[in-house]
Amino acid sequence: MPMEELAAASSVSSFTCLDTLYCYAVLRKADLSLRFEQRTMRMAAWVDDH
């Protein structure tokens, strides 16, 4: 096995399931809050139009 492949494999295994879940949760939360902001902005624009 090449040295860089070995390094990549070891870094992946040290990046635990918990880290993955944490990153997913952070990204999901950011995504949801962004969508909420967009919806709020759309509603505000709709109120301005009417």
Protein backbone atom coordinates (compact mmCIF):
# COMPACT_ATOMS: atom_id res chain seq x y z
CA MET A 1 0.00 0.00 0.00
CA PRO A 2 1.42 3.43 -0.92
CA MET A 3 2.36 5.71 1.96
CA GLU A 4 -0.23 8.42 1.17
CA GLU A 5 -3.03 5.85 0.95
CA LEU A 6 -2.04 4.55 4.35
CA ALA A 7 -2.05 8.09 5.74
CA ALA A 8 -5.47 8.75 4.23
CA ALA A 9 -6.87 5.52 5.66
CA SER A 10 -5.56 6.28 9.14
CA SER A 11 -6.92 9.83 9.09
CA VAL A 12 -10.33 8.55 8.01
CA SER A 13 -10.41 5.99 10.81
CA SER A 14 -9.42 8.62 13.37
CA PHE A 15 -12.29 10.78 12.15
CA THR A 16 -14.88 8.99 14.22
CA CYS A 17 -18.57 8.36 13.73
CA LEU A 18 -19.29 10.96 16.40
CA ASP A 19 -17.34 13.60 14.45
CA THR A 20 -19.33 12.74 11.34
CA LEU A 21 -22.62 13.02 13.19
CA TYR A 22 -21.55 16.30 14.76
CA CYS A 23 -20.54 17.75 11.39
CA TYR A 24 -23.81 16.56 9.88
CA ALA A 25 -25.80 18.14 12.70
CA VAL A 26 -23.94 21.45 12.32
CA LEU A 27 -24.44 21.50 8.56
CA ARG A 28 -28.09 20.52 8.92
CA LYS A 29 -28.69 23.25 11.49
CA ALA A 30 -26.98 25.81 9.26
CA ASP A 31 -29.02 24.63 6.29
CA LEU A 32 -32.29 24.83 8.23
CA SER A 33 -31.58 28.29 9.63
CA LEU A 34 -30.61 29.51 6.16
CA ARG A 35 -33.85 28.17 4.72
CA PHE A 36 -35.80 29.75 7.56
CA GLU A 37 -34.15 33.12 6.85
CA GLN A 38 -34.96 32.82 3.15
CA ARG A 39 -38.59 31.98 3.93
CA THR A 40 -38.82 34.91 6.34
CA MET A 41 -37.33 37.24 3.73
CA ARG A 42 -39.79 35.93 1.11
CA MET A 43 -42.69 36.49 3.48
CA ALA A 44 -41.48 40.01 4.22
CA ALA A 45 -41.20 40.70 0.49
CA TRP A 46 -44.71 39.29 -0.04
CA VAL A 47 -46.08 41.56 2.70
CA ASP A 48 -44.35 44.54 1.08
CA ASP A 49 -45.91 43.67 -2.30
CA HIS A 50 -49.44 43.38 -0.93
